[in-house]
PDB file of N, CA and C in Angstrom:
ATOM      1  N   MET A   1     146.527  35.515  16.451  1.00  0.00           N
ATOM      2  CA  MET A   1     146.136  33.984  16.477  1.00  0.00           C
ATOM      3  C   MET A   1     145.880  33.904  15.091  1.00  0.00           C
ATOM      4  N   ALA A   2     145.851  32.377  14.656  1.00  0.00           N
ATOM      5  CA  ALA A   2     145.874  31.722  13.777  1.00  0.00           C
ATOM      6  C   ALA A   2     144.870  30.520  13.792  1.00  0.00           C
ATOM      7  N   HIS A   3     143.995  30.355  12.854  1.00  0.00           N
ATOM      8  CA  HIS A   3     143.145  28.870  13.182  1.00  0.00           C
ATOM      9  C   HIS A   3     143.772  28.177  12.133  1.00  0.00           C
ATOM     10  N   VAL A   4     144.273  27.338  11.993  1.00  0.00           N
ATOM     11  CA  VAL A   4     144.974  26.814  11.086  1.00  0.00           C
ATOM     12  C   VAL A   4     144.917  25.076  10.941  1.00  0.00           C
ATOM     13  N   THR A   5     145.149  24.298   9.925  1.00  0.00           N
ATOM     14  CA  THR A   5     145.137  23.009  10.557  1.00  0.00           C
ATOM     15  C   THR A   5     146.224  22.422  10.179  1.00  0.00           C
ATOM     16  N   ARG A   6     146.483  21.177  10.996  1.00  0.00           N
ATOM     17  CA  ARG A   6     148.087  20.470  10.935  1.00  0.00           C
ATOM     18  C   ARG A   6     148.330  19.947   9.356  1.00  0.00           C
ATOM     19  N   GLY A   7     149.589  20.653   9.102  1.00  0.00           N
ATOM     20  CA  GLY A   7     149.979  20.584   7.822  1.00  0.00           C
ATOM     21  C   GLY A   7     149.798  21.855   6.655  1.00  0.00           C
ATOM     22  N   GLU A   8     149.178  22.695   7.249  1.00  0.00           N
ATOM     23  CA  GLU A   8     149.247  23.994   6.272  1.00  0.00           C
ATOM     24  C   GLU A   8     150.123  24.916   6.416  1.00  0.00           C
ATOM     25  N   LEU A   9     150.761  25.333   5.421  1.00  0.00           N
ATOM     26  CA  LEU A   9     151.732  26.595   4.940  1.00  0.00           C
ATOM     27  C   LEU A   9     151.541  27.510   5.315  1.00  0.00           C
ATOM     28  N   VAL A  10     152.032  28.420   6.528  1.00  0.00           N
ATOM     29  CA  VAL A  10     152.075  29.954   6.244  1.00  0.00           C
ATOM     30  C   VAL A  10     153.364  30.358   5.538  1.00  0.00           C
ATOM     31  N   VAL A  11     153.099  31.114   4.755  1.00  0.00           N
ATOM     32  CA  VAL A  11     154.507  31.761   4.011  1.00  0.00           C
ATOM     33  C   VAL A  11     155.253  33.320   4.803  1.00  0.00           C
ATOM     34  N   PRO A  12     155.872  33.075   5.682  1.00  0.00           N
ATOM     35  CA  PRO A  12     156.371  34.324   6.153  1.00  0.00           C
ATOM     36  C   PRO A  12     156.591  35.283   4.976  1.00  0.00           C
ATOM     37  N   ARG A  13     156.541  36.613   5.398  1.00  0.00           N
ATOM     38  CA  ARG A  13     156.996  37.905   4.022  1.00  0.00           C
ATOM     39  C   ARG A  13     158.506  37.749   3.526  1.00  0.00           C
ATOM     40  N   GLU A  14     159.068  37.472   4.558  1.00  0.00           N
ATOM     41  CA  GLU A  14     160.404  37.364   3.938  1.00  0.00           C
ATOM     42  C   GLU A  14     160.930  35.816   2.874  1.00  0.00           C
ATOM     43  N   LEU A  15     160.012  35.217   2.922  1.00  0.00           N
ATOM     44  CA  LEU A  15     159.728  34.089   2.165  1.00  0.00           C
ATOM     45  C   LEU A  15     159.784  34.683   0.578  1.00  0.00           C
ATOM     46  N   GLN A  16     158.540  35.593   0.954  1.00  0.00           N
ATOM     47  CA  GLN A  16     157.238  35.686  -0.375  1.00  0.00           C
ATOM     48  C   GLN A  16     158.403  36.253  -1.332  1.00  0.00           C
ATOM     49  N   ASN A  17     159.212  35.926  -2.240  1.00  0.00           N
ATOM     50  CA  ASN A  17     160.067  36.285  -3.102  1.00  0.00           C
ATOM     51  C   ASN A  17     158.735  36.490  -4.778  1.00  0.00           C
ATOM     52  N   PRO A  18     159.487  37.254  -5.750  1.00  0.00           N
ATOM     53  CA  PRO A  18     158.643  36.689  -6.845  1.00  0.00           C
ATOM     54  C   PRO A  18     158.558  35.365  -7.238  1.00  0.00           C
ATOM     55  N   GLU A  19     159.481  34.746  -6.927  1.00  0.00           N
ATOM     56  CA  GLU A  19     159.492  33.460  -7.770  1.00  0.00           C
ATOM     57  C   GLU A  19     158.115  32.531  -6.871  1.00  0.00           C
ATOM     58  N   VAL A  20     158.408  32.763  -5.580  1.00  0.00           N
ATOM     59  CA  VAL A  20     157.793  32.000  -4.503  1.00  0.00           C
ATOM     60  C   VAL A  20     155.875  32.397  -4.685  1.00  0.00           C
ATOM     61  N   LEU A  21     155.977  33.400  -4.548  1.00  0.00           N
ATOM     62  CA  LEU A  21     154.370  34.153  -5.357  1.00  0.00           C
ATOM     63  C   LEU A  21     154.369  33.841  -6.548  1.00  0.00           C
ATOM     64  N   ALA A  22     154.729  33.358  -7.246  1.00  0.00           N
ATOM     65  CA  ALA A  22     154.388  33.157  -8.928  1.00  0.00           C
ATOM     66  C   ALA A  22     153.925  31.936  -8.900  1.00  0.00           C
ATOM     67  N   ALA A  23     154.904  30.650  -7.975  1.00  0.00           N
ATOM     68  CA  ALA A  23     154.374  29.886  -7.727  1.00  0.00           C
ATOM     69  C   ALA A  23     152.892  29.453  -7.252  1.00  0.00           C
ATOM     70  N   LEU A  24     152.956  29.902  -6.270  1.00  0.00           N
ATOM     71  CA  LEU A  24     151.294  30.180  -5.381  1.00  0.00           C
ATOM     72  C   LEU A  24     150.167  30.463  -6.066  1.00  0.00           C
ATOM     73  N   GLY A  25     150.696  31.949  -7.215  1.00  0.00           N
ATOM     74  CA  GLY A  25     149.709  32.181  -7.716  1.00  0.00           C
ATOM     75  C   GLY A  25     149.088  31.040  -9.108  1.00  0.00           C
ATOM     76  N   ARG A  26     150.415  30.448  -9.314  1.00  0.00           N
ATOM     77  CA  ARG A  26     149.905  29.420 -10.420  1.00  0.00           C
ATOM     78  C   ARG A  26     149.205  28.047  -9.586  1.00  0.00           C
ATOM     79  N   ALA A  27     149.359  27.727  -8.375  1.00  0.00           N
ATOM     80  CA  ALA A  27     148.619  26.689  -7.935  1.00  0.00           C
ATOM     81  C   ALA A  27     147.247  27.196  -7.433  1.00  0.00           C
ATOM     82  N   ALA A  28     147.608  28.367  -6.962  1.00  0.00           N
ATOM     83  CA  ALA A  28     145.904  28.690  -6.776  1.00  0.00           C
ATOM     84  C   ALA A  28     144.873  29.020  -8.016  1.00  0.00           C
ATOM     85  N   ALA A  29     145.218  29.563  -8.708  1.00  0.00           N
ATOM     86  CA  ALA A  29     144.650  29.839 -10.659  1.00  0.00           C
ATOM     87  C   ALA A  29     144.147  28.083 -11.025  1.00  0.00           C
ATOM     88  N   VAL A  30     145.423  27.147 -10.597  1.00  0.00           N
ATOM     89  CA  VAL A  30     144.817  25.966 -11.063  1.00  0.00           C
ATOM     90  C   VAL A  30     143.118  25.797 -10.086  1.00  0.00           C
ATOM     91  N   GLN A  31     143.075  25.933  -9.149  1.00  0.00           N
ATOM     92  CA  GLN A  31     142.196  25.438  -8.238  1.00  0.00           C
ATOM     93  C   GLN A  31     140.976  26.728  -8.452  1.00  0.00           C
ATOM     94  N   ASN A  32     141.308  27.648  -9.185  1.00  0.00           N
ATOM     95  CA  ASN A  32     140.385  28.603  -9.841  1.00  0.00           C
ATOM     96  C   ASN A  32     139.857  29.520  -8.217  1.00  0.00           C
ATOM     97  N   ILE A  33     141.320  29.611  -7.870  1.00  0.00           N
ATOM     98  CA  ILE A  33     141.455  30.339  -6.312  1.00  0.00           C
ATOM     99  C   ILE A  33     142.037  31.700  -6.268  1.00  0.00           C
ATOM    100  N   PRO A  34     141.187  32.721  -5.943  1.00  0.00           N
ATOM    101  CA  PRO A  34     142.641  33.872  -6.107  1.00  0.00           C
ATOM    102  C   PRO A  34     143.480  33.721  -5.270  1.00  0.00           C
ATOM    103  N   LEU A  35     144.766  34.064  -5.163  1.00  0.00           N
ATOM    104  CA  LEU A  35     145.306  33.999  -4.383  1.00  0.00           C
ATOM    105  C   LEU A  35     145.220  35.078  -3.037  1.00  0.00           C
ATOM    106  N   GLU A  36     145.031  36.128  -3.648  1.00  0.00           N
ATOM    107  CA  GLU A  36     144.456  37.000  -2.315  1.00  0.00           C
ATOM    108  C   GLU A  36     143.897  36.796  -1.149  1.00  0.00           C
ATOM    109  N   MET A  37     142.895  35.693  -1.472  1.00  0.00           N
ATOM    110  CA  MET A  37     141.991  35.601   0.006  1.00  0.00           C
ATOM    111  C   MET A  37     142.729  34.602   0.476  1.00  0.00           C
ATOM    112  N   PHE A  38     143.937  34.348   0.337  1.00  0.00           N
ATOM    113  CA  PHE A  38     145.071  33.691   1.339  1.00  0.00           C
ATOM    114  C   PHE A  38     145.735  34.812   2.086  1.00  0.00           C
ATOM    115  N   CYS A  39     145.894  35.936   1.460  1.00  0.00           N
ATOM    116  CA  CYS A  39     146.069  36.665   2.522  1.00  0.00           C
ATOM    117  C   CYS A  39     145.787  37.578   3.843  1.00  0.00           C
ATOM    118  N   ILE A  40     146.529  37.701   4.820  1.00  0.00           N
ATOM    119  CA  ILE A  40     145.761  38.019   6.269  1.00  0.00           C
ATOM    120  C   ILE A  40     145.563  39.448   5.836  1.00  0.00           C
ATOM    121  N   GLY A  41     144.222  39.709   6.386  1.00  0.00           N
ATOM    122  CA  GLY A  41     144.006  40.823   6.186  1.00  0.00           C
ATOM    123  C   GLY A  41     143.302  41.642   5.056  1.00  0.00           C
ATOM    124  N   ASN A  42     143.101  40.364   4.085  1.00  0.00           N
ATOM    125  CA  ASN A  42     142.240  41.087   2.837  1.00  0.00           C
ATOM    126  C   ASN A  42     140.768  41.137   2.408  1.00  0.00           C
ATOM    127  N   ALA A  43     140.251  42.056   2.222  1.00  0.00           N
ATOM    128  CA  ALA A  43     139.072  41.982   2.040  1.00  0.00           C
ATOM    129  C   ALA A  43     138.352  40.643   1.618  1.00  0.00           C
ATOM    130  N   MET A  44     138.867  39.757   0.961  1.00  0.00           N
ATOM    131  CA  MET A  44     138.674  38.525   0.498  1.00  0.00           C
ATOM    132  C   MET A  44     138.199  37.558   1.279  1.00  0.00           C
ATOM    133  N   ASN A  45     139.018  37.468   2.564  1.00  0.00           N
ATOM    134  CA  ASN A  45     139.238  36.582   3.451  1.00  0.00           C
ATOM    135  C   ASN A  45     137.507  36.690   4.170  1.00  0.00           C
ATOM    136  N   ARG A  46     137.496  35.225   4.304  1.00  0.00           N
ATOM    137  CA  ARG A  46     135.909  34.764   4.974  1.00  0.00           C
ATOM    138  C   ARG A  46     136.117  35.078   6.262  1.00  0.00           C
ATOM    139  N   ILE A  47     134.898  35.564   7.339  1.00  0.00           N
ATOM    140  CA  ILE A  47     135.158  35.634   8.154  1.00  0.00           C
ATOM    141  C   ILE A  47     134.227  34.728   9.021  1.00  0.00           C
ATOM    142  N   ASN A  48     135.174  33.487   9.720  1.00  0.00           N
ATOM    143  CA  ASN A  48     134.398  32.178  10.992  1.00  0.00           C
ATOM    144  C   ASN A  48     132.927  33.129  11.761  1.00  0.00           C
ATOM    145  N   PRO A  49     131.882  32.643  11.229  1.00  0.00           N
ATOM    146  CA  PRO A  49     130.487  33.503  12.282  1.00  0.00           C
ATOM    147  C   PRO A  49     130.666  32.792  13.353  1.00  0.00           C
ATOM    148  N   ASN A  50     131.666  31.841  14.202  1.00  0.00           N
ATOM    149  CA  ASN A  50     131.215  31.587  15.114  1.00  0.00           C
ATOM    150  C   ASN A  50     132.531  32.078  15.695  1.00  0.00           C
ATOM    151  N   THR A  51     133.607  32.367  15.296  1.00  0.00           N
ATOM    152  CA  THR A  51     134.624  33.239  16.349  1.00  0.00           C
ATOM    153  C   THR A  51     134.791  34.461  15.498  1.00  0.00           C
ATOM    154  N   GLY A  52     134.571  35.018  14.796  1.00  0.00           N
ATOM    155  CA  GLY A  52     134.274  36.267  14.121  1.00  0.00           C
ATOM    156  C   GLY A  52     135.704  36.763  13.677  1.00  0.00           C
ATOM    157  N   MET A  53     136.688  35.393  13.211  1.00  0.00           N
ATOM    158  CA  MET A  53     138.416  35.429  12.865  1.00  0.00           C
ATOM    159  C   MET A  53     138.055  35.195  11.321  1.00  0.00           C
ATOM    160  N   PRO A  54     139.195  35.887  10.856  1.00  0.00           N
ATOM    161  CA  PRO A  54     139.690  34.981   9.538  1.00  0.00           C
ATOM    162  C   PRO A  54     139.226  33.741   8.927  1.00  0.00           C
ATOM    163  N   GLU A  55     139.308  33.206   8.478  1.00  0.00           N
ATOM    164  CA  GLU A  55     139.420  31.690   7.894  1.00  0.00           C
ATOM    165  C   GLU A  55     139.608  31.346   6.354  1.00  0.00           C
ATOM    166  N   PHE A  56     140.239  30.451   6.043  1.00  0.00           N
ATOM    167  CA  PHE A  56     141.374  30.208   4.839  1.00  0.00           C
ATOM    168  C   PHE A  56     140.634  28.918   4.072  1.00  0.00           C
ATOM    169  N   TRP A  57     139.166  28.901   3.980  1.00  0.00           N
ATOM    170  CA  TRP A  57     139.136  27.465   3.185  1.00  0.00           C
ATOM    171  C   TRP A  57     138.573  27.717   1.882  1.00  0.00           C
ATOM    172  N   PHE A  58     139.307  26.954   0.873  1.00  0.00           N
ATOM    173  CA  PHE A  58     138.885  27.584  -0.274  1.00  0.00           C
ATOM    174  C   PHE A  58     137.806  27.258  -1.054  1.00  0.00           C
ATOM    175  N   ASP A  59     137.524  25.994  -0.513  1.00  0.00           N
ATOM    176  CA  ASP A  59     136.218  25.397  -1.413  1.00  0.00           C
ATOM    177  C   ASP A  59     135.160  26.339  -0.993  1.00  0.00           C
ATOM    178  N   ASP A  60     134.875  27.187   0.144  1.00  0.00           N
ATOM    179  CA  ASP A  60     133.913  27.875   0.517  1.00  0.00           C
ATOM    180  C   ASP A  60     133.693  29.245  -0.948  1.00  0.00           C
ATOM    181  N   TRP A  61     134.928  29.313  -1.343  1.00  0.00           N
ATOM    182  CA  TRP A  61     135.160  30.319  -2.389  1.00  0.00           C
ATOM    183  C   TRP A  61     134.340  29.781  -3.626  1.00  0.00           C
ATOM    184  N   LYS A  62     134.754  28.625  -3.811  1.00  0.00           N
ATOM    185  CA  LYS A  62     134.330  27.928  -5.074  1.00  0.00           C
ATOM    186  C   LYS A  62     132.934  27.949  -4.840  1.00  0.00           C
ATOM    187  N   ASN A  63     132.106  27.452  -3.802  1.00  0.00           N
ATOM    188  CA  ASN A  63     130.818  27.422  -3.571  1.00  0.00           C
ATOM    189  C   ASN A  63     129.948  28.687  -3.660  1.00  0.00           C
ATOM    190  N   ARG A  64     130.464  29.465  -3.093  1.00  0.00           N
ATOM    191  CA  ARG A  64     130.252  31.220  -3.535  1.00  0.00           C
ATOM    192  C   ARG A  64     129.772  31.445  -4.448  1.00  0.00           C
ATOM    193  N   ILE A  65     130.539  31.682  -5.483  1.00  0.00           N
ATOM    194  CA  ILE A  65     130.567  31.924  -6.817  1.00  0.00           C
ATOM    195  C   ILE A  65     129.749  30.625  -7.384  1.00  0.00           C
ATOM    196  N   SER A  66     129.749  29.356  -7.315  1.00  0.00           N
ATOM    197  CA  SER A  66     128.811  28.673  -7.774  1.00  0.00           C
ATOM    198  C   SER A  66     127.419  29.052  -7.847  1.00  0.00           C
ATOM    199  N   SER A  67     126.911  29.692  -6.205  1.00  0.00           N
ATOM    200  CA  SER A  67     125.650  29.998  -6.040  1.00  0.00           C
ATOM    201  C   SER A  67     125.081  31.047  -6.683  1.00  0.00           C
ATOM    202  N   PHE A  68     126.400  32.138  -6.765  1.00  0.00           N
ATOM    203  CA  PHE A  68     126.036  33.283  -7.365  1.00  0.00           C
ATOM    204  C   PHE A  68     125.417  33.222  -9.155  1.00  0.00           C
ATOM    205  N   PHE A  69     126.365  32.503  -9.631  1.00  0.00           N
ATOM    206  CA  PHE A  69     126.468  32.414 -11.056  1.00  0.00           C
ATOM    207  C   PHE A  69     125.625  30.941 -11.166  1.00  0.00           C
ATOM    208  N   GLY A  70     126.552  30.035 -11.680  1.00  0.00           N
ATOM    209  CA  GLY A  70     125.814  28.680 -11.707  1.00  0.00           C
ATOM    210  C   GLY A  70     126.677  28.388 -13.327  1.00  0.00           C
ATOM    211  N   GLY A  71     126.705  26.838 -13.494  1.00  0.00           N
ATOM    212  CA  GLY A  71     127.052  25.821 -14.647  1.00  0.00           C
ATOM    213  C   GLY A  71     128.406  26.823 -15.116  1.00  0.00           C
ATOM    214  N   GLU A  72     128.707  27.312 -16.393  1.00  0.00           N
ATOM    215  CA  GLU A  72     129.825  27.585 -17.109  1.00  0.00           C
ATOM    216  C   GLU A  72     130.004  28.930 -16.587  1.00  0.00           C
ATOM    217  N   ASP A  73     129.072  29.650 -16.301  1.00  0.00           N
ATOM    218  CA  ASP A  73     129.243  31.262 -15.871  1.00  0.00           C
ATOM    219  C   ASP A  73     130.227  31.317 -14.718  1.00  0.00           C
ATOM    220  N   ALA A  74     130.023  30.197 -13.562  1.00  0.00           N
ATOM    221  CA  ALA A  74     130.698  30.098 -12.508  1.00  0.00           C
ATOM    222  C   ALA A  74     132.318  29.558 -12.617  1.00  0.00           C
ATOM    223  N   GLN A  75     132.259  28.665 -13.591  1.00  0.00           N
ATOM    224  CA  GLN A  75     133.590  28.741 -13.716  1.00  0.00           C
ATOM    225  C   GLN A  75     134.491  29.933 -14.466  1.00  0.00           C
ATOM    226  N   ALA A  76     133.643  30.192 -15.503  1.00  0.00           N
ATOM    227  CA  ALA A  76     134.500  31.455 -16.105  1.00  0.00           C
ATOM    228  C   ALA A  76     134.456  32.622 -14.717  1.00  0.00           C
ATOM    229  N   ALA A  77     133.610  33.069 -13.917  1.00  0.00           N
ATOM    230  CA  ALA A  77     134.192  34.039 -12.821  1.00  0.00           C
ATOM    231  C   ALA A  77     134.868  33.252 -12.280  1.00  0.00           C
ATOM    232  N   THR A  78     134.900  32.126 -11.405  1.00  0.00           N
ATOM    233  CA  THR A  78     136.037  31.804 -10.440  1.00  0.00           C
ATOM    234  C   THR A  78     137.382  31.918 -11.558  1.00  0.00           C
ATOM    235  N   GLU A  79     137.805  31.562 -12.361  1.00  0.00           N
ATOM    236  CA  GLU A  79     139.269  31.477 -13.690  1.00  0.00           C
ATOM    237  C   GLU A  79     139.381  33.120 -13.633  1.00  0.00           C
ATOM    238  N   GLY A  80     138.450  33.709 -14.338  1.00  0.00           N
ATOM    239  CA  GLY A  80     138.826  35.437 -13.871  1.00  0.00           C
ATOM    240  C   GLY A  80     138.975  35.728 -12.700  1.00  0.00           C
ATOM    241  N   ALA A  81     138.420  35.501 -11.702  1.00  0.00           N
ATOM    242  CA  ALA A  81     138.799  35.702 -10.441  1.00  0.00           C
ATOM    243  C   ALA A  81     140.020  35.424  -9.761  1.00  0.00           C
ATOM    244  N   ALA A  82     140.570  34.249 -10.536  1.00  0.00           N
ATOM    245  CA  ALA A  82     141.858  33.427  -9.580  1.00  0.00           C
ATOM    246  C   ALA A  82     142.788  34.089 -10.659  1.00  0.00           C
ATOM    247  N   ALA A  83     142.677  34.171 -12.120  1.00  0.00           N
ATOM    248  CA  ALA A  83     144.010  35.473 -12.640  1.00  0.00           C
ATOM    249  C   ALA A  83     144.267  36.870 -12.437  1.00  0.00           C
ATOM    250  N   ARG A  84     142.664  37.362 -12.118  1.00  0.00           N
ATOM    251  CA  ARG A  84     143.098  38.962 -11.311  1.00  0.00           C
ATOM    252  C   ARG A  84     143.624  38.919  -9.981  1.00  0.00           C
ATOM    253  N   GLY A  85     143.084  37.872  -9.253  1.00  0.00           N
ATOM    254  CA  GLY A  85     143.971  37.796  -7.975  1.00  0.00           C
ATOM    255  C   GLY A  85     145.014  37.310  -7.657  1.00  0.00           C
ATOM    256  N   ALA A  86     146.010  36.223  -8.626  1.00  0.00           N
ATOM    257  CA  ALA A  86     146.951  36.122  -8.641  1.00  0.00           C
ATOM    258  C   ALA A  86     147.751  37.426  -9.173  1.00  0.00           C
ATOM    259  N   PHE A  87     147.372  38.005  -9.882  1.00  0.00           N
ATOM    260  CA  PHE A  87     148.025  39.233 -10.741  1.00  0.00           C
ATOM    261  C   PHE A  87     148.167  40.176  -9.804  1.00  0.00           C
ATOM    262  N   THR A  88     147.284  40.342  -9.313  1.00  0.00           N
ATOM    263  CA  THR A  88     147.255  41.414  -8.373  1.00  0.00           C
ATOM    264  C   THR A  88     147.886  41.278  -6.928  1.00  0.00           C
ATOM    265  N   GLY A  89     148.102  40.098  -6.490  1.00  0.00           N
ATOM    266  CA  GLY A  89     148.609  39.468  -5.242  1.00  0.00           C
ATOM    267  C   GLY A  89     150.432  39.678  -5.595  1.00  0.00           C
ATOM    268  N   ILE A  90     150.341  39.159  -6.791  1.00  0.00           N
ATOM    269  CA  ILE A  90     152.256  39.107  -7.070  1.00  0.00           C
ATOM    270  C   ILE A  90     152.693  40.392  -7.673  1.00  0.00           C
ATOM    271  N   LYS A  91     151.958  41.413  -8.180  1.00  0.00           N
ATOM    272  CA  LYS A  91     152.163  42.587  -8.324  1.00  0.00           C
ATOM    273  C   LYS A  91     152.251  43.441  -6.706  1.00  0.00           C
ATOM    274  N   SER A  92     151.017  43.417  -6.165  1.00  0.00           N
ATOM    275  CA  SER A  92     151.429  44.392  -4.793  1.00  0.00           C
ATOM    276  C   SER A  92     152.335  43.763  -3.926  1.00  0.00           C
ATOM    277  N   ASP A  93     152.706  42.190  -3.715  1.00  0.00           N
ATOM    278  CA  ASP A  93     153.987  41.899  -3.011  1.00  0.00           C
ATOM    279  C   ASP A  93     155.364  42.202  -3.544  1.00  0.00           C
ATOM    280  N   ILE A  94     155.224  42.992  -5.046  1.00  0.00           N
ATOM    281  CA  ILE A  94     156.723  42.993  -5.445  1.00  0.00           C
ATOM    282  C   ILE A  94     156.571  44.498  -4.848  1.00  0.00           C
ATOM    283  N   THR A  95     155.816  45.093  -5.333  1.00  0.00           N
ATOM    284  CA  THR A  95     155.601  46.830  -4.847  1.00  0.00           C
ATOM    285  C   THR A  95     156.037  46.765  -3.653  1.00  0.00           C
ATOM    286  N   ARG A  96     155.618  46.161  -2.667  1.00  0.00           N
ATOM    287  CA  ARG A  96     155.833  46.478  -1.371  1.00  0.00           C
ATOM    288  C   ARG A  96     157.252  46.178  -1.300  1.00  0.00           C
ATOM    289  N   GLY A  97     157.739  44.603  -1.730  1.00  0.00           N
ATOM    290  CA  GLY A  97     159.382  44.842  -1.412  1.00  0.00           C
ATOM    291  C   GLY A  97     160.028  45.863  -1.738  1.00  0.00           C
ATOM    292  N   ILE A  98     159.950  46.475  -2.764  1.00  0.00           N
ATOM    293  CA  ILE A  98     160.313  47.818  -3.237  1.00  0.00           C
ATOM    294  C   ILE A  98     160.860  48.911  -2.218  1.00  0.00           C
ATOM    295  N   TYR A  99     159.171  49.129  -1.931  1.00  0.00           N
ATOM    296  CA  TYR A  99     158.736  50.238  -0.897  1.00  0.00           C
ATOM    297  C   TYR A  99     159.444  49.965   0.339  1.00  0.00           C
ATOM    298  N   ASP A 100     159.377  48.588   1.012  1.00  0.00           N
ATOM    299  CA  ASP A 100     160.314  48.512   1.857  1.00  0.00           C
ATOM    300  C   ASP A 100     161.663  48.982   2.257  1.00  0.00           C
ATOM    301  N   ASP A 101     162.312  48.172   1.125  1.00  0.00           N
ATOM    302  CA  ASP A 101     163.957  48.532   0.630  1.00  0.00           C
ATOM    303  C   ASP A 101     163.903  49.800   0.663  1.00  0.00           C
ATOM    304  N   GLN A 102     163.513  50.661  -0.207  1.00  0.00           N
ATOM    305  CA  GLN A 102     163.594  52.120   0.144  1.00  0.00           C
ATOM    306  C   GLN A 102     163.614  53.057   1.164  1.00  0.00           C
ATOM    307  N   VAL A 103     162.481  52.539   1.957  1.00  0.00           N
ATOM    308  CA  VAL A 103     161.860  53.136   3.287  1.00  0.00           C
ATOM    309  C   VAL A 103     162.843  52.885   4.225  1.00  0.00           C
ATOM    310  N   SER A 104     163.415  51.722   4.345  1.00  0.00           N
ATOM    311  CA  SER A 104     164.312  51.409   5.025  1.00  0.00           C
ATOM    312  C   SER A 104     165.564  51.764   4.960  1.00  0.00           C
ATOM    313  N   ASN A 105     165.977  52.655   3.986  1.00  0.00           N
ATOM    314  CA  ASN A 105     167.015  53.618   3.898  1.00  0.00           C
ATOM    315  C   ASN A 105     166.831  55.000   4.369  1.00  0.00           C
ATOM    316  N   LEU A 106     165.770  55.459   4.690  1.00  0.00           N
ATOM    317  CA  LEU A 106     165.414  56.834   5.152  1.00  0.00           C
ATOM    318  C   LEU A 106     165.896  56.881   6.668  1.00  0.00           C
ATOM    319  N   ASP A 107     165.998  57.620   7.008  1.00  0.00           N
ATOM    320  CA  ASP A 107     166.066  58.333   8.063  1.00  0.00           C
ATOM    321  C   ASP A 107     164.767  58.127   9.208  1.00  0.00           C
ATOM    322  N   PRO A 108     164.822  57.644  10.379  1.00  0.00           N
ATOM    323  CA  PRO A 108     163.598  57.307  11.126  1.00  0.00           C
ATOM    324  C   PRO A 108     163.061  58.674  11.439  1.00  0.00           C
ATOM    325  N   PHE A 109     163.266  59.636  10.883  1.00  0.00           N
ATOM    326  CA  PHE A 109     162.334  60.762  11.529  1.00  0.00           C
ATOM    327  C   PHE A 109     162.600  61.442   9.857  1.00  0.00           C
ATOM    328  N   ALA A 110     162.704  60.801   9.079  1.00  0.00           N
ATOM    329  CA  ALA A 110     162.469  61.155   7.670  1.00  0.00           C
ATOM    330  C   ALA A 110     160.574  61.198   7.220  1.00  0.00           C
ATOM    331  N   ASN A 111     159.738  61.737   8.266  1.00  0.00           N
ATOM    332  CA  ASN A 111     158.434  61.639   7.722  1.00  0.00           C
ATOM    333  C   ASN A 111     157.611  62.216   6.556  1.00  0.00           C
ATOM    334  N   ALA A 112     158.215  62.806   6.165  1.00  0.00           N
ATOM    335  CA  ALA A 112     157.680  63.904   5.056  1.00  0.00           C
ATOM    336  C   ALA A 112     158.380  62.734   4.017  1.00  0.00           C
ATOM    337  N   GLU A 113     159.592  62.023   3.584  1.00  0.00           N
ATOM    338  CA  GLU A 113     160.136  61.642   2.821  1.00  0.00           C
ATOM    339  C   GLU A 113     159.069  60.172   3.009  1.00  0.00           C
ATOM    340  N   ARG A 114     158.881  59.924   4.302  1.00  0.00           N
ATOM    341  CA  ARG A 114     158.095  58.733   4.068  1.00  0.00           C
ATOM    342  C   ARG A 114     156.615  58.754   3.830  1.00  0.00           C
ATOM    343  N   ALA A 115     156.136  59.831   3.915  1.00  0.00           N
ATOM    344  CA  ALA A 115     154.791  60.172   3.686  1.00  0.00           C
ATOM    345  C   ALA A 115     154.683  60.043   1.985  1.00  0.00           C
ATOM    346  N   ARG A 116     155.620  60.921   1.266  1.00  0.00           N
ATOM    347  CA  ARG A 116     156.055  60.698  -0.106  1.00  0.00           C
ATOM    348  C   ARG A 116     155.989  59.594  -1.189  1.00  0.00           C
ATOM    349  N   LEU A 117     156.959  58.994  -0.594  1.00  0.00           N
ATOM    350  CA  LEU A 117     157.057  57.567  -0.732  1.00  0.00           C
ATOM    351  C   LEU A 117     155.783  56.536  -0.921  1.00  0.00           C
ATOM    352  N   LYS A 118     154.742  56.447   0.287  1.00  0.00           N
ATOM    353  CA  LYS A 118     153.717  55.792   0.433  1.00  0.00           C
ATOM    354  C   LYS A 118     152.968  56.365  -0.482  1.00  0.00           C
ATOM    355  N   ALA A 119     152.835  57.613  -0.805  1.00  0.00           N
ATOM    356  CA  ALA A 119     152.026  58.264  -1.470  1.00  0.00           C
ATOM    357  C   ALA A 119     151.979  57.456  -3.189  1.00  0.00           C
ATOM    358  N   ASP A 120     153.542  57.739  -3.760  1.00  0.00           N
ATOM    359  CA  ASP A 120     153.815  57.501  -4.964  1.00  0.00           C
ATOM    360  C   ASP A 120     153.847  55.587  -4.937  1.00  0.00           C
ATOM    361  N   PHE A 121     153.484  55.196  -3.900  1.00  0.00           N
ATOM    362  CA  PHE A 121     153.855  53.810  -4.244  1.00  0.00           C
ATOM    363  C   PHE A 121     152.047  52.939  -4.046  1.00  0.00           C
ATOM    364  N   ARG A 122     151.514  54.276  -3.559  1.00  0.00           N
ATOM    365  CA  ARG A 122     149.705  53.751  -3.395  1.00  0.00           C
ATOM    366  C   ARG A 122     149.553  53.817  -4.759  1.00  0.00           C
ATOM    367  N   GLN A 123     149.742  54.512  -5.763  1.00  0.00           N
ATOM    368  CA  GLN A 123     149.461  55.289  -7.270  1.00  0.00           C
ATOM    369  C   GLN A 123     149.512  54.021  -7.701  1.00  0.00           C
TER     370      GLN A 123
END
């Protein structure tokens, strides 16, 4: 289930190539927002108190940073978080794509090899 607003764009995993993720990361960084907070299931997702479901309103992220820090410190904190989030999001999606390619070539019953690959990629 998703609570979205008309005009919002959901990017399916199949379209999340390095170029698209880099462009999204740059757009998020301009707003001083970590791209990770828009990834479903990420710990940075805000939970709607009424529905208990994740919501993806980016102004809330900036407001929470500003209330914790303040002034120039808030600006520096959001810029740092945005840069780190963009880097981590792009790196993890690229890594996930490589893992998916490698695991798709395995025999469906190759559980030990699948577990080894997962452990390697988590590092």
